[in-house]
C-alpha atoms as a PDB file:
ATOM      1  CA  MET A   1      30.099  37.764   5.100  1.00  0.00           C
ATOM      2  CA  ARG A   2      29.100  34.097   6.091  1.00  0.00           C
ATOM      3  CA  ILE A   3      31.605  33.974   8.780  1.00  0.00           C
ATOM      4  CA  ALA A   4      29.947  37.027   9.893  1.00  0.00           C
ATOM      5  CA  SER A   5      26.398  35.783   9.738  1.00  0.00           C
ATOM      6  CA  TYR A   6      27.632  32.503  11.627  1.00  0.00           C
ATOM      7  CA  ALA A   7      29.166  34.607  14.322  1.00  0.00           C
ATOM      8  CA  SER A   8      26.332  36.669  15.119  1.00  0.00           C
ATOM      9  CA  VAL A   9      24.169  33.536  15.659  1.00  0.00           C
ATOM     10  CA  VAL A  10      26.362  32.176  18.246  1.00  0.00           C
ATOM     11  CA  THR A  11      26.847  35.215  19.883  1.00  0.00           C
ATOM     12  CA  ALA A  12      22.863  35.676  20.069  1.00  0.00           C
ATOM     13  CA  LEU A  13      22.546  32.338  21.250  1.00  0.00           C
ATOM     14  CA  MET A  14      25.164  33.053  24.155  1.00  0.00           C
ATOM     15  CA  LEU A  15      23.754  36.247  25.024  1.00  0.00           C
ATOM     16  CA  ILE A  16      20.180  34.485  25.626  1.00  0.00           C
ATOM     17  CA  ILE A  17      21.058  31.970  27.693  1.00  0.00           C
ATOM     18  CA  ALA A  18      23.220  34.207  29.887  1.00  0.00           C
ATOM     19  CA  LYS A  19      20.341  36.739  30.265  1.00  0.00           C
ATOM     20  CA  LEU A  20      17.529  34.188  30.594  1.00  0.00           C
ATOM     21  CA  LEU A  21      18.949  32.872  33.789  1.00  0.00           C
ATOM     22  CA  ALA A  22      19.724  36.523  35.213  1.00  0.00           C
ATOM     23  CA  TRP A  23      16.296  37.732  34.496  1.00  0.00           C
ATOM     24  CA  TYR A  24      14.752  34.277  35.950  1.00  0.00           C
ATOM     25  CA  ILE A  25      16.912  34.794  39.125  1.00  0.00           C
ATOM     26  CA  SER A  26      16.291  38.847  39.307  1.00  0.00           C
ATOM     27  CA  ASP A  27      12.766  39.386  37.627  1.00  0.00           C
ATOM     28  CA  SER A  28      14.786  43.001  36.296  1.00  0.00           C
ATOM     29  CA  LEU A  29      12.237  44.056  34.003  1.00  0.00           C
ATOM     30  CA  SER A  30      15.517  45.675  32.353  1.00  0.00           C
ATOM     31  CA  ILE A  31      16.980  42.417  31.938  1.00  0.00           C
ATOM     32  CA  LEU A  32      13.591  41.056  30.353  1.00  0.00           C
ATOM     33  CA  ALA A  33      13.827  44.021  27.822  1.00  0.00           C
ATOM     34  CA  SER A  34      17.466  43.203  26.937  1.00  0.00           C
ATOM     35  CA  LEU A  35      16.624  39.385  26.653  1.00  0.00           C
ATOM     36  CA  ILE A  36      13.646  40.362  23.976  1.00  0.00           C
ATOM     37  CA  ASP A  37      16.522  42.454  22.354  1.00  0.00           C
ATOM     38  CA  SER A  38      18.509  39.435  22.176  1.00  0.00           C
ATOM     39  CA  SER A  39      15.804  36.846  21.336  1.00  0.00           C
ATOM     40  CA  LEU A  40      15.245  39.345  18.405  1.00  0.00           C
ATOM     41  CA  ASP A  41      18.967  39.497  17.173  1.00  0.00           C
ATOM     42  CA  LEU A  42      18.874  35.613  17.332  1.00  0.00           C
ATOM     43  CA  LEU A  43      15.793  35.535  15.003  1.00  0.00           C
ATOM     44  CA  ALA A  44      17.062  38.312  12.766  1.00  0.00           C
ATOM     45  CA  SER A  45      20.948  36.690  12.423  1.00  0.00           C
ATOM     46  CA  LEU A  46      19.206  33.566  11.518  1.00  0.00           C
ATOM     47  CA  VAL A  47      17.372  35.273   8.735  1.00  0.00           C
ATOM     48  CA  ASN A  48      20.663  36.825   7.906  1.00  0.00           C
ATOM     49  CA  LEU A  49      22.116  33.668   7.877  1.00  0.00           C
ATOM     50  CA  LEU A  50      19.765  32.125   5.021  1.00  0.00           C
ATOM     51  CA  ALA A  51      19.542  35.672   3.269  1.00  0.00           C
ATOM     52  CA  ILE A  52      23.130  36.039   2.867  1.00  0.00           C
ATOM     53  CA  ARG A  53      23.582  32.526   1.421  1.00  0.00           C
ATOM     54  CA  HIS A  54      20.794  33.123  -1.048  1.00  0.00           C
ATOM     55  CA  ALA A  55      22.200  36.639  -1.801  1.00  0.00           C
ATOM     56  CA  LEU A  56      25.699  35.417  -2.549  1.00  0.00           C
ATOM     57  CA  GLN A  57      24.072  32.776  -5.412  1.00  0.00           C
ATOM     58  CA  PRO A  58      25.651  33.610  -8.519  1.00  0.00           C
ATOM     59  CA  ALA A  59      23.560  35.231 -11.238  1.00  0.00           C
ATOM     60  CA  ASP A  60      21.100  32.043 -13.038  1.00  0.00           C
ATOM     61  CA  LYS A  61      19.264  32.284 -16.175  1.00  0.00           C
ATOM     62  CA  GLU A  62      15.986  33.407 -13.989  1.00  0.00           C
ATOM     63  CA  HIS A  63      17.922  35.992 -11.991  1.00  0.00           C
ATOM     64  CA  ARG A  64      20.018  37.752 -14.559  1.00  0.00           C
ATOM     65  CA  PHE A  65      21.287  40.181 -11.909  1.00  0.00           C
ATOM     66  CA  GLY A  66      21.859  38.186  -9.150  1.00  0.00           C
ATOM     67  CA  HIS A  67      20.123  37.662  -6.021  1.00  0.00           C
ATOM     68  CA  GLY A  68      21.348  40.290  -4.006  1.00  0.00           C
ATOM     69  CA  LYS A  69      17.806  41.691  -3.045  1.00  0.00           C
ATOM     70  CA  ALA A  70      17.481  38.992  -0.927  1.00  0.00           C
ATOM     71  CA  GLU A  71      19.423  40.877   1.743  1.00  0.00           C
ATOM     72  CA  PRO A  72      17.368  44.076   1.699  1.00  0.00           C
ATOM     73  CA  LEU A  73      14.113  41.578   2.141  1.00  0.00           C
ATOM     74  CA  ALA A  74      15.623  40.163   5.370  1.00  0.00           C
ATOM     75  CA  ALA A  75      16.541  43.825   6.566  1.00  0.00           C
ATOM     76  CA  LEU A  76      12.636  44.586   5.987  1.00  0.00           C
ATOM     77  CA  GLY A  77      11.896  41.715   7.780  1.00  0.00           C
ATOM     78  CA  GLN A  78      13.764  42.248  10.588  1.00  0.00           C
ATOM     79  CA  SER A  79      12.744  45.803  11.453  1.00  0.00           C
ATOM     80  CA  MET A  80       8.972  44.255  11.596  1.00  0.00           C
ATOM     81  CA  PHE A  81      10.195  41.826  14.321  1.00  0.00           C
ATOM     82  CA  ILE A  82      12.060  44.346  16.011  1.00  0.00           C
ATOM     83  CA  THR A  83       8.932  46.517  15.970  1.00  0.00           C
ATOM     84  CA  GLY A  84       6.640  44.280  17.052  1.00  0.00           C
ATOM     85  CA  SER A  85       8.712  43.660  20.191  1.00  0.00           C
ATOM     86  CA  ALA A  86       9.304  47.309  20.829  1.00  0.00           C
ATOM     87  CA  ILE A  87       5.963  47.785  21.117  1.00  0.00           C
ATOM     88  CA  MET A  88       5.069  44.880  23.220  1.00  0.00           C
ATOM     89  CA  LEU A  89       7.867  46.067  25.881  1.00  0.00           C
ATOM     90  CA  LEU A  90       6.667  49.656  26.171  1.00  0.00           C
ATOM     91  CA  PHE A  91       2.966  47.723  27.203  1.00  0.00           C
ATOM     92  CA  GLN A  92       4.417  45.786  29.620  1.00  0.00           C
ATOM     93  CA  ALA A  93       7.140  48.472  31.152  1.00  0.00           C
ATOM     94  CA  SER A  94       4.262  50.982  31.576  1.00  0.00           C
ATOM     95  CA  GLY A  95       2.055  48.849  33.563  1.00  0.00           C
ATOM     96  CA  ARG A  96       5.258  48.414  36.061  1.00  0.00           C
ATOM     97  CA  VAL A  97       5.703  51.915  36.263  1.00  0.00           C
ATOM     98  CA  ILE A  98       2.311  52.524  37.365  1.00  0.00           C
ATOM     99  CA  HIS A  99       2.680  49.355  39.532  1.00  0.00           C
ATOM    100  CA  PRO A 100       6.115  49.227  40.588  1.00  0.00           C
ATOM    101  CA  GLN A 101       7.771  46.208  41.724  1.00  0.00           C
ATOM    102  CA  PRO A 102      10.808  45.491  44.071  1.00  0.00           C
ATOM    103  CA  LEU A 103      13.705  43.092  42.591  1.00  0.00           C
ATOM    104  CA  THR A 104      14.476  39.926  43.835  1.00  0.00           C
ATOM    105  CA  SER A 105      17.850  38.821  44.549  1.00  0.00           C
ATOM    106  CA  GLY A 106      20.371  38.167  41.668  1.00  0.00           C
ATOM    107  CA  VAL A 107      21.139  42.041  40.938  1.00  0.00           C
ATOM    108  CA  GLN A 108      24.917  41.258  40.883  1.00  0.00           C
ATOM    109  CA  LEU A 109      24.416  38.248  38.932  1.00  0.00           C
ATOM    110  CA  GLY A 110      22.681  40.587  36.182  1.00  0.00           C
ATOM    111  CA  VAL A 111      25.309  43.014  36.207  1.00  0.00           C
ATOM    112  CA  GLY A 112      27.714  40.281  35.580  1.00  0.00           C
ATOM    113  CA  VAL A 113      25.720  39.036  32.547  1.00  0.00           C
ATOM    114  CA  MET A 114      25.509  42.314  31.339  1.00  0.00           C
ATOM    115  CA  LEU A 115      29.242  43.075  31.404  1.00  0.00           C
ATOM    116  CA  PHE A 116      29.660  39.841  29.901  1.00  0.00           C
ATOM    117  CA  SER A 117      26.900  40.825  27.028  1.00  0.00           C
ATOM    118  CA  ILE A 118      28.899  44.057  26.467  1.00  0.00           C
ATOM    119  CA  LEU A 119      32.441  42.390  25.979  1.00  0.00           C
ATOM    120  CA  ALA A 120      30.598  39.966  23.205  1.00  0.00           C
ATOM    121  CA  THR A 121      29.166  42.425  21.852  1.00  0.00           C
ATOM    122  CA  ILE A 122      32.358  44.518  21.347  1.00  0.00           C
ATOM    123  CA  GLY A 123      33.885  41.269  19.263  1.00  0.00           C
ATOM    124  CA  LEU A 124      31.237  40.759  17.302  1.00  0.00           C
ATOM    125  CA  LEU A 125      30.870  44.607  16.230  1.00  0.00           C
ATOM    126  CA  LEU A 126      34.475  44.367  15.259  1.00  0.00           C
ATOM    127  CA  LEU A 127      34.223  41.583  12.903  1.00  0.00           C
ATOM    128  CA  GLN A 128      31.113  43.127  11.303  1.00  0.00           C
ATOM    129  CA  ARG A 129      32.830  46.385  10.817  1.00  0.00           C
ATOM    130  CA  TYR A 130      35.610  44.700   8.728  1.00  0.00           C
ATOM    131  CA  VAL A 131      33.340  42.725   6.821  1.00  0.00           C
ATOM    132  CA  ILE A 132      30.886  45.932   5.937  1.00  0.00           C
ATOM    133  CA  HIS A 133      34.046  47.727   5.125  1.00  0.00           C
ATOM    134  CA  LYS A 134      34.814  44.858   2.546  1.00  0.00           C
ATOM    135  CA  THR A 135      31.267  44.327   1.468  1.00  0.00           C
ATOM    136  CA  ASN A 136      28.883  46.895   2.122  1.00  0.00           C
ATOM    137  CA  SER A 137      26.423  44.029   3.050  1.00  0.00           C
ATOM    138  CA  ALA A 138      22.783  45.642   3.766  1.00  0.00           C
ATOM    139  CA  ALA A 139      22.344  42.594   5.867  1.00  0.00           C
ATOM    140  CA  ILE A 140      25.502  42.551   8.012  1.00  0.00           C
ATOM    141  CA  ARG A 141      24.805  46.413   8.509  1.00  0.00           C
ATOM    142  CA  ALA A 142      21.274  46.260   9.630  1.00  0.00           C
ATOM    143  CA  ASP A 143      22.756  43.461  11.945  1.00  0.00           C
ATOM    144  CA  SER A 144      25.354  45.310  13.407  1.00  0.00           C
ATOM    145  CA  LEU A 145      23.283  48.118  14.050  1.00  0.00           C
ATOM    146  CA  HIS A 146      21.001  45.977  16.391  1.00  0.00           C
ATOM    147  CA  TYR A 147      24.159  45.080  18.254  1.00  0.00           C
ATOM    148  CA  ARG A 148      25.797  48.557  18.453  1.00  0.00           C
ATOM    149  CA  SER A 149      22.116  49.726  20.203  1.00  0.00           C
ATOM    150  CA  ASP A 150      22.629  46.533  22.585  1.00  0.00           C
ATOM    151  CA  LEU A 151      26.096  48.209  24.097  1.00  0.00           C
ATOM    152  CA  LEU A 152      23.775  51.057  24.820  1.00  0.00           C
ATOM    153  CA  ILE A 153      20.874  48.783  26.377  1.00  0.00           C
ATOM    154  CA  ASN A 154      23.010  46.912  28.303  1.00  0.00           C
ATOM    155  CA  LEU A 155      24.921  49.836  30.079  1.00  0.00           C
ATOM    156  CA  SER A 156      21.625  51.335  31.063  1.00  0.00           C
ATOM    157  CA  VAL A 157      20.583  47.983  32.461  1.00  0.00           C
ATOM    158  CA  ILE A 158      23.467  47.977  34.624  1.00  0.00           C
ATOM    159  CA  THR A 159      22.709  51.547  35.607  1.00  0.00           C
ATOM    160  CA  ALA A 160      19.303  50.720  36.609  1.00  0.00           C
ATOM    161  CA  LEU A 161      19.702  47.385  38.542  1.00  0.00           C
ATOM    162  CA  LEU A 162      22.591  49.616  40.673  1.00  0.00           C
ATOM    163  CA  LEU A 163      20.469  52.159  41.195  1.00  0.00           C
ATOM    164  CA  THR A 164      17.417  49.891  42.400  1.00  0.00           C
ATOM    165  CA  GLN A 165      19.741  48.909  44.972  1.00  0.00           C
ATOM    166  CA  TYR A 166      19.074  52.300  46.484  1.00  0.00           C
ATOM    167  CA  GLY A 167      15.392  52.073  46.727  1.00  0.00           C
ATOM    168  CA  LEU A 168      15.031  53.477  42.797  1.00  0.00           C
ATOM    169  CA  ILE A 169      12.567  50.788  41.885  1.00  0.00           C
ATOM    170  CA  TRP A 170      10.775  52.942  39.457  1.00  0.00           C
ATOM    171  CA  LEU A 171      14.100  52.904  37.520  1.00  0.00           C
ATOM    172  CA  ASP A 172      14.172  49.398  36.053  1.00  0.00           C
ATOM    173  CA  PRO A 173      10.737  49.806  34.145  1.00  0.00           C
ATOM    174  CA  VAL A 174      11.469  53.537  32.843  1.00  0.00           C
ATOM    175  CA  MET A 175      14.601  52.251  31.447  1.00  0.00           C
ATOM    176  CA  ALA A 176      12.794  49.245  29.626  1.00  0.00           C
ATOM    177  CA  ILE A 177      10.791  52.172  27.960  1.00  0.00           C
ATOM    178  CA  CYS A 178      13.591  54.311  27.134  1.00  0.00           C
ATOM    179  CA  ILE A 179      15.176  50.921  25.454  1.00  0.00           C
ATOM    180  CA  ALA A 180      12.120  50.162  23.651  1.00  0.00           C
ATOM    181  CA  ILE A 181      11.760  53.473  21.859  1.00  0.00           C
ATOM    182  CA  TYR A 182      15.663  53.553  20.974  1.00  0.00           C
ATOM    183  CA  VAL A 183      14.878  50.196  19.563  1.00  0.00           C
ATOM    184  CA  LEU A 184      12.077  51.537  17.445  1.00  0.00           C
ATOM    185  CA  PHE A 185      14.095  54.256  16.200  1.00  0.00           C
ATOM    186  CA  SER A 186      16.839  51.842  15.241  1.00  0.00           C
ATOM    187  CA  ALA A 187      13.942  49.719  13.546  1.00  0.00           C
ATOM    188  CA  TRP A 188      12.952  52.487  11.238  1.00  0.00           C
ATOM    189  CA  ARG A 189      16.416  53.028  10.097  1.00  0.00           C
ATOM    190  CA  ILE A 190      16.582  49.525   9.095  1.00  0.00           C
ATOM    191  CA  LEU A 191      13.056  50.052   7.692  1.00  0.00           C
ATOM    192  CA  LYS A 192      14.580  52.886   5.405  1.00  0.00           C
ATOM    193  CA  ASP A 193      17.902  51.299   4.344  1.00  0.00           C
ATOM    194  CA  ALA A 194      15.818  48.581   3.087  1.00  0.00           C
ATOM    195  CA  ILE A 195      13.416  50.173   1.376  1.00  0.00           C
ATOM    196  CA  ASP A 196      15.776  52.294  -0.643  1.00  0.00           C
ATOM    197  CA  LEU A 197      17.769  49.039  -1.718  1.00  0.00           C
ATOM    198  CA  LEU A 198      14.332  47.574  -2.473  1.00  0.00           C
ATOM    199  CA  MET A 199      12.978  50.640  -4.946  1.00  0.00           C
ATOM    200  CA  ASP A 200      16.430  50.898  -6.339  1.00  0.00           C
ATOM    201  CA  HIS A 201      17.515  54.126  -4.898  1.00  0.00           C
ATOM    202  CA  GLU A 202      20.329  56.159  -6.157  1.00  0.00           C
ATOM    203  CA  ILE A 203      23.644  55.841  -4.637  1.00  0.00           C
ATOM    204  CA  THR A 204      24.780  58.783  -2.695  1.00  0.00           C
ATOM    205  CA  ASP A 205      25.568  62.030  -4.596  1.00  0.00           C
ATOM    206  CA  ALA A 206      29.127  62.022  -3.617  1.00  0.00           C
ATOM    207  CA  GLU A 207      29.521  58.584  -5.231  1.00  0.00           C
ATOM    208  CA  ARG A 208      27.841  59.829  -8.397  1.00  0.00           C
ATOM    209  CA  GLN A 209      30.042  63.001  -8.404  1.00  0.00           C
ATOM    210  CA  GLN A 210      32.956  60.411  -8.217  1.00  0.00           C
ATOM    211  CA  ILE A 211      31.578  58.912 -11.095  1.00  0.00           C
ATOM    212  CA  PHE A 212      31.293  61.977 -13.104  1.00  0.00           C
ATOM    213  CA  ASP A 213      34.489  62.953 -12.505  1.00  0.00           C
ATOM    214  CA  VAL A 214      36.072  60.101 -13.307  1.00  0.00           C
ATOM    215  CA  ALA A 215      34.312  59.627 -16.645  1.00  0.00           C
ATOM    216  CA  LEU A 216      35.196  63.446 -17.978  1.00  0.00           C
ATOM    217  CA  ASN A 217      38.538  62.862 -16.721  1.00  0.00           C
ATOM    218  CA  HIS A 218      38.944  61.286 -19.963  1.00  0.00           C
ATOM    219  CA  PRO A 219      40.912  63.252 -22.597  1.00  0.00           C
ATOM    220  CA  LEU A 220      38.485  62.460 -25.228  1.00  0.00           C
ATOM    221  CA  THR A 221      35.431  62.184 -23.467  1.00  0.00           C
ATOM    222  CA  LYS A 222      33.287  65.189 -24.091  1.00  0.00           C
ATOM    223  CA  GLY A 223      30.479  64.571 -21.461  1.00  0.00           C
ATOM    224  CA  ILE A 224      28.254  62.275 -20.085  1.00  0.00           C
ATOM    225  CA  HIS A 225      24.465  61.828 -19.572  1.00  0.00           C
ATOM    226  CA  ASP A 226      21.642  59.849 -18.390  1.00  0.00           C
ATOM    227  CA  LEU A 227      23.573  58.126 -15.466  1.00  0.00           C
ATOM    228  CA  ARG A 228      21.255  55.797 -13.783  1.00  0.00           C
ATOM    229  CA  THR A 229      22.552  53.846 -10.293  1.00  0.00           C
ATOM    230  CA  ARG A 230      21.181  51.507  -7.945  1.00  0.00           C
ATOM    231  CA  ARG A 231      22.564  48.855  -5.356  1.00  0.00           C
ATOM    232  CA  SER A 232      21.357  45.082  -5.152  1.00  0.00           C
ATOM    233  CA  GLY A 233      23.360  43.288  -2.608  1.00  0.00           C
ATOM    234  CA  THR A 234      27.458  43.893  -2.421  1.00  0.00           C
ATOM    235  CA  THR A 235      27.014  45.034  -6.307  1.00  0.00           C
ATOM    236  CA  VAL A 236      26.554  48.543  -7.455  1.00  0.00           C
ATOM    237  CA  PHE A 237      24.842  48.829 -11.184  1.00  0.00           C
ATOM    238  CA  ILE A 238      25.815  51.477 -13.354  1.00  0.00           C
ATOM    239  CA  GLN A 239      24.614  52.898 -16.455  1.00  0.00           C
ATOM    240  CA  LEU A 240      25.511  56.219 -18.504  1.00  0.00           C
ATOM    241  CA  HIS A 241      25.782  57.551 -21.944  1.00  0.00           C
ATOM    242  CA  LEU A 242      29.181  58.663 -22.866  1.00  0.00           C
ATOM    243  CA  GLU A 243      29.636  61.605 -25.033  1.00  0.00           C
ATOM    244  CA  LEU A 244      32.145  61.159 -27.828  1.00  0.00           C
ATOM    245  CA  ASP A 245      33.645  62.982 -30.889  1.00  0.00           C
ATOM    246  CA  PRO A 246      31.405  61.421 -33.693  1.00  0.00           C
ATOM    247  CA  GLN A 247      34.846  61.398 -36.125  1.00  0.00           C
ATOM    248  CA  LEU A 248      36.187  58.619 -33.665  1.00  0.00           C
ATOM    249  CA  SER A 249      36.095  55.556 -35.074  1.00  0.00           C
ATOM    250  CA  LEU A 250      33.862  52.856 -33.776  1.00  0.00           C
ATOM    251  CA  GLN A 251      37.032  50.636 -32.476  1.00  0.00           C
ATOM    252  CA  LYS A 252      38.349  54.248 -30.853  1.00  0.00           C
ATOM    253  CA  ALA A 253      34.984  54.826 -29.271  1.00  0.00           C
ATOM    254  CA  HIS A 254      34.699  51.088 -27.616  1.00  0.00           C
ATOM    255  CA  ASP A 255      38.210  51.492 -26.717  1.00  0.00           C
ATOM    256  CA  VAL A 256      37.593  54.923 -24.641  1.00  0.00           C
ATOM    257  CA  SER A 257      34.364  53.184 -23.426  1.00  0.00           C
ATOM    258  CA  ASN A 258      36.249  50.317 -21.964  1.00  0.00           C
ATOM    259  CA  GLU A 259      38.953  52.642 -20.488  1.00  0.00           C
ATOM    260  CA  VAL A 260      35.951  54.641 -18.832  1.00  0.00           C
ATOM    261  CA  SER A 261      34.878  51.778 -17.582  1.00  0.00           C
ATOM    262  CA  ARG A 262      37.817  50.050 -15.832  1.00  0.00           C
ATOM    263  CA  GLU A 263      38.472  53.420 -13.938  1.00  0.00           C
ATOM    264  CA  ILE A 264      34.815  53.465 -12.520  1.00  0.00           C
ATOM    265  CA  LEU A 265      34.902  49.764 -11.690  1.00  0.00           C
ATOM    266  CA  GLY A 266      38.136  51.217  -9.369  1.00  0.00           C
ATOM    267  CA  LEU A 267      35.827  53.362  -7.334  1.00  0.00           C
ATOM    268  CA  PHE A 268      33.683  50.080  -6.081  1.00  0.00           C
ATOM    269  CA  ASP A 269      34.419  46.743  -4.609  1.00  0.00           C
ATOM    270  CA  GLU A 270      32.148  45.323  -6.632  1.00  0.00           C
ATOM    271  CA  ALA A 271      30.482  46.789  -9.675  1.00  0.00           C
ATOM    272  CA  GLU A 272      28.688  46.288 -12.985  1.00  0.00           C
ATOM    273  CA  VAL A 273      28.893  49.089 -15.683  1.00  0.00           C
ATOM    274  CA  ILE A 274      27.069  49.276 -19.033  1.00  0.00           C
ATOM    275  CA  ILE A 275      28.155  52.257 -20.958  1.00  0.00           C
ATOM    276  CA  HIS A 276      26.692  53.742 -24.182  1.00  0.00           C
ATOM    277  CA  GLN A 277      28.767  55.681 -26.730  1.00  0.00           C
ATOM    278  CA  ASP A 278      27.152  58.923 -28.229  1.00  0.00           C
ATOM    279  CA  PRO A 279      28.030  60.967 -30.758  1.00  0.00           C
ATOM    280  CA  LEU A 280      28.650  64.804 -29.410  1.00  0.00           C
ATOM    281  CA  ASN A 281      25.328  67.160 -30.066  1.00  0.00           C
ATOM    282  CA  ASP A 282      24.509  70.436 -29.141  1.00  0.00           C
ATOM    283  CA  GLU A 283      22.497  68.979 -26.673  1.00  0.00           C
ATOM    284  CA  PRO A 284      22.560  70.409 -22.885  1.00  0.00           C
ATOM    285  CA  ILE A 285      25.063  67.968 -21.360  1.00  0.00           C
ATOM    286  CA  GLU A 286      24.561  67.162 -17.623  1.00  0.00           C
ATOM    287  CA  GLN A 287      27.477  67.896 -15.723  1.00  0.00           C
ATOM    288  CA  SER A 288      26.595  67.200 -12.085  1.00  0.00           C
ATOM    289  CA  PRO A 289      24.734  64.615 -10.115  1.00  0.00           C
ATOM    290  CA  ALA A 290      22.545  67.053  -8.909  1.00  0.00           C
END
């Protein structure tokens, strides 16, 4: 996660320098839109870097459940920055649609910068995809969403730059507006994921069903109820009540609980499981995560 966050910062810096030069020479609004997006990527990546360093700190006396909430807090801040920049870009592009301005020289340079941006972004996305698969990091996932949208943005900028050479000067601000709308949509997705994590939203139904299946698969398990789950950083927290034969000894019930816990832990890269043993009674037994 640290390596991915450092790589994100370095990539954003390179793209900002290249796009700043291309915008200064060409005065293209679509390149400016891409430059603003990359600048926010840098800011978001810096926030991620600090958040990940904090989130990876082990639990301490004041934070018994660790520091994983630092990641969704960072993602929440990212969504706010992204929304503000998209709104600003919408206003600027709308004015350019009403009063179109031809691009200055440097269109070829702009295309070249966008191609360089695409290659650099693809390399970063491959690294982030590997890290997300290993850690399920909310901060890295939010950062990756930025850069996936950058691929579309860069392709659209190339298209706009090439077509403006044929007199379609209105296409440059129109493309900037499309980019701003897409960025707003991305910000909403980041915001929703961050709020879910901060509000201790349950993990997916499919993951909950796996927990049910594993727990009920043990030959001595009679049922389970009160399954509660949440995700904090890279860790999944799981609590459940395991229903057992009341004739089992305390030691045997403890052993069954440990065996079920080990099986559940195998479903996730990092998890904490708390199981309470209950004697089987005549009350209805919860059989599905629905």
